Amino acid sequence: MVVEFNEWFPFRHTIIDDFAPASLVRAADVEWPHENWAHWHKYRDLNSVKLATRDCHRFPPACAELLRLVSSLDVEPAAGYPVFPDFLYHAGGLHCMPRGGHLQIHIDALSHPCNDWSRRLNAILFVNQEWENEWGGELVFRKSRSDKDTQISIEPKFNRLVLFEVTPKSWHGVPEAIECP
């Protein structure tokens, strides 16, 4: 699949619905680790309530296959610069927001802490099959941390891939607490 960045506001991004075979995404949803999984790193502070793991040896099989598919996307022509995946999954891998989860508007680190790589693109794939709009969970992009007038909200729709460029101005987050069962 060749990717095109077709959205420029508030920064370069694209949304790809039905990214992967639905059966694979359903399998990832079914085998997704429960919030009490021993291998989650728990981010619980004023800025976020989120679970994450980058330990690829712990990824369930369908989740690992989805990460492989995302990592194989041909993004260089659209990006306009060389791109390669980080198979160490620094600040990547699997992420989960349980009930009450949120992630304040922020900018991701632009450099990798273990080498001299620059982070250029992020990818988020929503795998939850059963999601109701009233539960929240929208991914928000803004031109600045507090300027809600420049905000767009992206629904966490099943099998939706969101790719976005990481720059000093790519403010994003899930600022409202998720209210799922």
C-alpha atoms as a PDB file:
ATOM      1  CA  MET A   1       0.000   0.000   0.000  1.00  0.00           C
ATOM      2  CA  VAL A   2       1.346   3.405  -0.979  1.00  0.00           C
ATOM      3  CA  VAL A   3       0.453   6.163   1.464  1.00  0.00           C
ATOM      4  CA  GLU A   4      -0.475   9.734   0.603  1.00  0.00           C
ATOM      5  CA  PHE A   5      -0.738  12.563   3.118  1.00  0.00           C
ATOM      6  CA  ASN A   6      -3.997  14.140   2.057  1.00  0.00           C
ATOM      7  CA  GLU A   7      -4.637  16.290   5.101  1.00  0.00           C
ATOM      8  CA  TRP A   8      -2.514  19.294   6.084  1.00  0.00           C
ATOM      9  CA  PHE A   9      -4.604  20.857   8.863  1.00  0.00           C
ATOM     10  CA  PRO A  10      -3.500  21.269  11.596  1.00  0.00           C
ATOM     11  CA  PHE A  11      -0.404  19.289  10.452  1.00  0.00           C
ATOM     12  CA  ARG A  12       0.331  16.589   7.882  1.00  0.00           C
ATOM     13  CA  HIS A  13      -1.626  13.420   8.495  1.00  0.00           C
ATOM     14  CA  THR A  14      -3.730  10.817   6.771  1.00  0.00           C
ATOM     15  CA  ILE A  15      -6.514   8.477   7.812  1.00  0.00           C
ATOM     16  CA  ILE A  16      -6.828   5.035   6.241  1.00  0.00           C
ATOM     17  CA  ASP A  17     -10.059   3.203   7.020  1.00  0.00           C
ATOM     18  CA  ASP A  18     -10.152  -0.587   6.629  1.00  0.00           C
ATOM     19  CA  PHE A  19      -6.354  -0.657   6.782  1.00  0.00           C
ATOM     20  CA  ALA A  20      -5.817  -4.375   7.414  1.00  0.00           C
ATOM     21  CA  PRO A  21      -7.846  -7.541   6.824  1.00  0.00           C
ATOM     22  CA  ALA A  22     -10.787  -7.244   9.221  1.00  0.00           C
ATOM     23  CA  SER A  23     -10.272 -10.814  10.442  1.00  0.00           C
ATOM     24  CA  LEU A  24      -6.719  -9.946  11.556  1.00  0.00           C
ATOM     25  CA  VAL A  25      -7.842  -6.801  13.374  1.00  0.00           C
ATOM     26  CA  ARG A  26     -10.672  -8.764  15.059  1.00  0.00           C
ATOM     27  CA  ALA A  27      -8.104 -11.370  16.175  1.00  0.00           C
ATOM     28  CA  ALA A  28      -5.932  -8.602  17.648  1.00  0.00           C
ATOM     29  CA  ASP A  29      -8.939  -7.181  19.486  1.00  0.00           C
ATOM     30  CA  VAL A  30      -9.810 -10.617  20.916  1.00  0.00           C
ATOM     31  CA  GLU A  31      -6.250 -11.382  22.057  1.00  0.00           C
ATOM     32  CA  TRP A  32      -5.507  -7.815  23.223  1.00  0.00           C
ATOM     33  CA  PRO A  33      -4.080  -7.929  26.768  1.00  0.00           C
ATOM     34  CA  HIS A  34      -6.474  -7.087  29.599  1.00  0.00           C
ATOM     35  CA  GLU A  35      -5.752  -3.909  31.563  1.00  0.00           C
ATOM     36  CA  ASN A  36      -4.406  -6.039  34.474  1.00  0.00           C
ATOM     37  CA  TRP A  37      -1.786  -7.711  32.221  1.00  0.00           C
ATOM     38  CA  ALA A  38       1.518  -7.879  34.101  1.00  0.00           C
ATOM     39  CA  HIS A  39       3.538  -6.529  31.158  1.00  0.00           C
ATOM     40  CA  TRP A  40       1.819  -3.160  30.764  1.00  0.00           C
ATOM     41  CA  HIS A  41       3.797  -0.093  31.732  1.00  0.00           C
ATOM     42  CA  LYS A  42       1.284   2.104  33.536  1.00  0.00           C
ATOM     43  CA  TYR A  43       1.326   5.839  32.883  1.00  0.00           C
ATOM     44  CA  ARG A  44      -0.799   7.332  35.634  1.00  0.00           C
ATOM     45  CA  ASP A  45      -0.170  10.993  36.374  1.00  0.00           C
ATOM     46  CA  LEU A  46      -1.839  14.354  35.870  1.00  0.00           C
ATOM     47  CA  ASN A  47      -1.079  14.205  32.137  1.00  0.00           C
ATOM     48  CA  SER A  48      -2.212  10.699  31.288  1.00  0.00           C
ATOM     49  CA  VAL A  49      -3.813   7.441  32.254  1.00  0.00           C
ATOM     50  CA  LYS A  50      -2.519   4.989  29.688  1.00  0.00           C
ATOM     51  CA  LEU A  51      -1.017   1.512  29.448  1.00  0.00           C
ATOM     52  CA  ALA A  52       1.786   0.605  27.032  1.00  0.00           C
ATOM     53  CA  THR A  53       4.318  -2.071  26.189  1.00  0.00           C
ATOM     54  CA  ARG A  54       7.104  -2.078  23.643  1.00  0.00           C
ATOM     55  CA  ASP A  55       8.326  -5.585  24.494  1.00  0.00           C
ATOM     56  CA  CYS A  56       7.872  -7.293  21.137  1.00  0.00           C
ATOM     57  CA  HIS A  57       8.453 -10.701  22.749  1.00  0.00           C
ATOM     58  CA  ARG A  58       5.187 -10.201  24.653  1.00  0.00           C
ATOM     59  CA  PHE A  59       3.003  -9.043  21.740  1.00  0.00           C
ATOM     60  CA  PRO A  60       0.150 -11.469  21.024  1.00  0.00           C
ATOM     61  CA  PRO A  61       0.509 -12.971  17.505  1.00  0.00           C
ATOM     62  CA  ALA A  62      -2.190 -10.951  15.698  1.00  0.00           C
ATOM     63  CA  CYS A  63      -0.962  -7.728  17.308  1.00  0.00           C
ATOM     64  CA  ALA A  64       2.592  -8.493  16.183  1.00  0.00           C
ATOM     65  CA  GLU A  65       1.334  -9.112  12.639  1.00  0.00           C
ATOM     66  CA  LEU A  66      -0.523  -5.775  12.609  1.00  0.00           C
ATOM     67  CA  LEU A  67       2.626  -3.974  13.741  1.00  0.00           C
ATOM     68  CA  ARG A  68       4.510  -5.723  10.926  1.00  0.00           C
ATOM     69  CA  LEU A  69       1.912  -4.505   8.409  1.00  0.00           C
ATOM     70  CA  VAL A  70       2.109  -0.925   9.671  1.00  0.00           C
ATOM     71  CA  SER A  71       5.912  -1.076   9.580  1.00  0.00           C
ATOM     72  CA  SER A  72       5.863  -2.241   5.955  1.00  0.00           C
ATOM     73  CA  LEU A  73       3.875   0.743   4.658  1.00  0.00           C
ATOM     74  CA  ASP A  74       5.539   2.608   1.794  1.00  0.00           C
ATOM     75  CA  VAL A  75       5.519   6.111   3.269  1.00  0.00           C
ATOM     76  CA  GLU A  76       8.711   7.573   1.804  1.00  0.00           C
ATOM     77  CA  PRO A  77       7.172   8.952  -1.430  1.00  0.00           C
ATOM     78  CA  ALA A  78       4.504  10.825   0.554  1.00  0.00           C
ATOM     79  CA  ALA A  79       6.845  11.924   3.320  1.00  0.00           C
ATOM     80  CA  GLY A  80       9.497  13.196   0.944  1.00  0.00           C
ATOM     81  CA  TYR A  81      12.359  11.907   3.073  1.00  0.00           C
ATOM     82  CA  PRO A  82      13.847   8.522   4.048  1.00  0.00           C
ATOM     83  CA  VAL A  83      11.786   6.610   6.606  1.00  0.00           C
ATOM     84  CA  PHE A  84      12.363   3.312   8.379  1.00  0.00           C
ATOM     85  CA  PRO A  85      10.505   1.637  11.260  1.00  0.00           C
ATOM     86  CA  ASP A  86      11.790   1.480  14.819  1.00  0.00           C
ATOM     87  CA  PHE A  87      11.604  -2.212  15.669  1.00  0.00           C
ATOM     88  CA  LEU A  88      12.575  -1.374  19.258  1.00  0.00           C
ATOM     89  CA  TYR A  89       9.160   0.322  19.442  1.00  0.00           C
ATOM     90  CA  HIS A  90      10.435   3.189  21.587  1.00  0.00           C
ATOM     91  CA  ALA A  91       7.246   4.998  22.703  1.00  0.00           C
ATOM     92  CA  GLY A  92       5.412   2.632  20.367  1.00  0.00           C
ATOM     93  CA  GLY A  93       4.178  -0.939  20.419  1.00  0.00           C
ATOM     94  CA  LEU A  94       0.844  -1.640  22.078  1.00  0.00           C
ATOM     95  CA  HIS A  95      -1.062   1.095  23.893  1.00  0.00           C
ATOM     96  CA  CYS A  96      -4.320   0.859  25.798  1.00  0.00           C
ATOM     97  CA  MET A  97      -6.552   3.365  27.537  1.00  0.00           C
ATOM     98  CA  PRO A  98      -8.866   1.806  30.113  1.00  0.00           C
ATOM     99  CA  ARG A  99     -12.003   3.447  31.500  1.00  0.00           C
ATOM    100  CA  GLY A 100     -10.971   6.904  32.698  1.00  0.00           C
ATOM    101  CA  GLY A 101      -7.928   6.832  30.410  1.00  0.00           C
ATOM    102  CA  HIS A 102      -6.740  10.020  28.757  1.00  0.00           C
ATOM    103  CA  LEU A 103      -3.609  11.574  27.311  1.00  0.00           C
ATOM    104  CA  GLN A 104      -3.225  15.327  27.536  1.00  0.00           C
ATOM    105  CA  ILE A 105      -2.348  17.317  24.428  1.00  0.00           C
ATOM    106  CA  HIS A 106       1.409  16.983  23.872  1.00  0.00           C
ATOM    107  CA  ILE A 107       4.206  16.749  21.319  1.00  0.00           C
ATOM    108  CA  ASP A 108       6.175  13.510  21.072  1.00  0.00           C
ATOM    109  CA  ALA A 109       9.929  13.440  21.530  1.00  0.00           C
ATOM    110  CA  LEU A 110      11.575  14.247  18.228  1.00  0.00           C
ATOM    111  CA  SER A 111      14.647  12.100  18.825  1.00  0.00           C
ATOM    112  CA  HIS A 112      15.213   8.504  19.878  1.00  0.00           C
ATOM    113  CA  PRO A 113      16.880   8.202  23.313  1.00  0.00           C
ATOM    114  CA  CYS A 114      19.075   5.223  22.333  1.00  0.00           C
ATOM    115  CA  ASN A 115      20.630   6.501  19.106  1.00  0.00           C
ATOM    116  CA  ASP A 116      20.692   9.546  16.840  1.00  0.00           C
ATOM    117  CA  TRP A 117      17.479   8.768  14.947  1.00  0.00           C
ATOM    118  CA  SER A 118      14.801  11.376  14.443  1.00  0.00           C
ATOM    119  CA  ARG A 119      11.177  10.463  14.918  1.00  0.00           C
ATOM    120  CA  ARG A 120       9.368  11.561  11.785  1.00  0.00           C
ATOM    121  CA  LEU A 121       6.036   9.713  11.684  1.00  0.00           C
ATOM    122  CA  ASN A 122       3.603   8.130  14.119  1.00  0.00           C
ATOM    123  CA  ALA A 123       1.010   5.488  13.368  1.00  0.00           C
ATOM    124  CA  ILE A 124      -2.061   4.656  15.449  1.00  0.00           C
ATOM    125  CA  LEU A 125      -4.343   1.753  14.553  1.00  0.00           C
ATOM    126  CA  PHE A 126      -7.650   1.402  16.392  1.00  0.00           C
ATOM    127  CA  VAL A 127      -8.554  -2.263  16.972  1.00  0.00           C
ATOM    128  CA  ASN A 128     -11.575  -2.162  19.297  1.00  0.00           C
ATOM    129  CA  GLN A 129     -14.555  -3.713  17.463  1.00  0.00           C
ATOM    130  CA  GLU A 130     -17.237  -2.508  19.825  1.00  0.00           C
ATOM    131  CA  TRP A 131     -16.968   1.215  20.392  1.00  0.00           C
ATOM    132  CA  GLU A 132     -19.748   3.684  21.075  1.00  0.00           C
ATOM    133  CA  ASN A 133     -19.262   7.372  20.250  1.00  0.00           C
ATOM    134  CA  GLU A 134     -20.544   8.437  23.671  1.00  0.00           C
ATOM    135  CA  TRP A 135     -17.572   6.680  25.309  1.00  0.00           C
ATOM    136  CA  GLY A 136     -15.191   9.298  23.875  1.00  0.00           C
ATOM    137  CA  GLY A 137     -11.655   8.278  22.957  1.00  0.00           C
ATOM    138  CA  GLU A 138     -11.260  10.697  20.049  1.00  0.00           C
ATOM    139  CA  LEU A 139      -7.711  11.404  18.963  1.00  0.00           C
ATOM    140  CA  VAL A 140      -7.343  15.182  18.864  1.00  0.00           C
ATOM    141  CA  PHE A 141      -4.944  17.186  16.684  1.00  0.00           C
ATOM    142  CA  ARG A 142      -4.344  20.894  17.373  1.00  0.00           C
ATOM    143  CA  LYS A 143      -2.151  23.740  16.154  1.00  0.00           C
ATOM    144  CA  SER A 144      -1.229  24.507  19.775  1.00  0.00           C
ATOM    145  CA  ARG A 145      -1.752  22.875  23.152  1.00  0.00           C
ATOM    146  CA  SER A 146      -4.682  25.049  24.203  1.00  0.00           C
ATOM    147  CA  ASP A 147      -6.174  26.372  20.943  1.00  0.00           C
ATOM    148  CA  LYS A 148      -9.370  24.332  20.577  1.00  0.00           C
ATOM    149  CA  ASP A 149     -10.357  26.482  17.577  1.00  0.00           C
ATOM    150  CA  THR A 150      -7.679  24.712  15.536  1.00  0.00           C
ATOM    151  CA  GLN A 151      -8.723  21.260  16.713  1.00  0.00           C
ATOM    152  CA  ILE A 152      -9.809  18.262  14.699  1.00  0.00           C
ATOM    153  CA  SER A 153     -11.107  15.087  16.346  1.00  0.00           C
ATOM    154  CA  ILE A 154     -10.646  11.620  14.896  1.00  0.00           C
ATOM    155  CA  GLU A 155     -13.090   8.915  15.933  1.00  0.00           C
ATOM    156  CA  PRO A 156     -11.450   5.684  17.195  1.00  0.00           C
ATOM    157  CA  LYS A 157     -13.147   3.595  14.522  1.00  0.00           C
ATOM    158  CA  PHE A 158     -12.378  -0.126  14.157  1.00  0.00           C
ATOM    159  CA  ASN A 159      -9.503  -0.807  11.713  1.00  0.00           C
ATOM    160  CA  ARG A 160      -8.740   2.903  11.227  1.00  0.00           C
ATOM    161  CA  LEU A 161      -5.074   3.786  10.801  1.00  0.00           C
ATOM    162  CA  VAL A 162      -3.973   7.341  11.515  1.00  0.00           C
ATOM    163  CA  LEU A 163      -0.521   8.403  10.332  1.00  0.00           C
ATOM    164  CA  PHE A 164       0.874  11.797  11.243  1.00  0.00           C
ATOM    165  CA  GLU A 165       4.081  13.691  10.916  1.00  0.00           C
ATOM    166  CA  VAL A 166       5.971  14.368  14.146  1.00  0.00           C
ATOM    167  CA  THR A 167       7.178  17.959  14.324  1.00  0.00           C
ATOM    168  CA  PRO A 168       7.542  20.612  17.041  1.00  0.00           C
ATOM    169  CA  LYS A 169       3.995  21.659  16.111  1.00  0.00           C
ATOM    170  CA  SER A 170       2.161  18.305  15.972  1.00  0.00           C
ATOM    171  CA  TRP A 171       0.083  18.692  19.131  1.00  0.00           C
ATOM    172  CA  HIS A 172      -2.067  15.617  19.763  1.00  0.00           C
ATOM    173  CA  GLY A 173      -3.702  13.584  22.519  1.00  0.00           C
ATOM    174  CA  VAL A 174      -6.886  12.069  23.898  1.00  0.00           C
ATOM    175  CA  PRO A 175      -7.700  14.846  26.364  1.00  0.00           C
ATOM    176  CA  GLU A 176     -11.142  13.702  27.503  1.00  0.00           C
ATOM    177  CA  ALA A 177     -11.386  10.712  29.861  1.00  0.00           C
ATOM    178  CA  ILE A 178     -12.715   7.600  28.166  1.00  0.00           C
ATOM    179  CA  GLU A 179     -16.045   6.427  29.587  1.00  0.00           C
ATOM    180  CA  CYS A 180     -16.348   2.884  28.245  1.00  0.00           C
ATOM    181  CA  PRO A 181     -17.773  -0.004  30.314  1.00  0.00           C
END
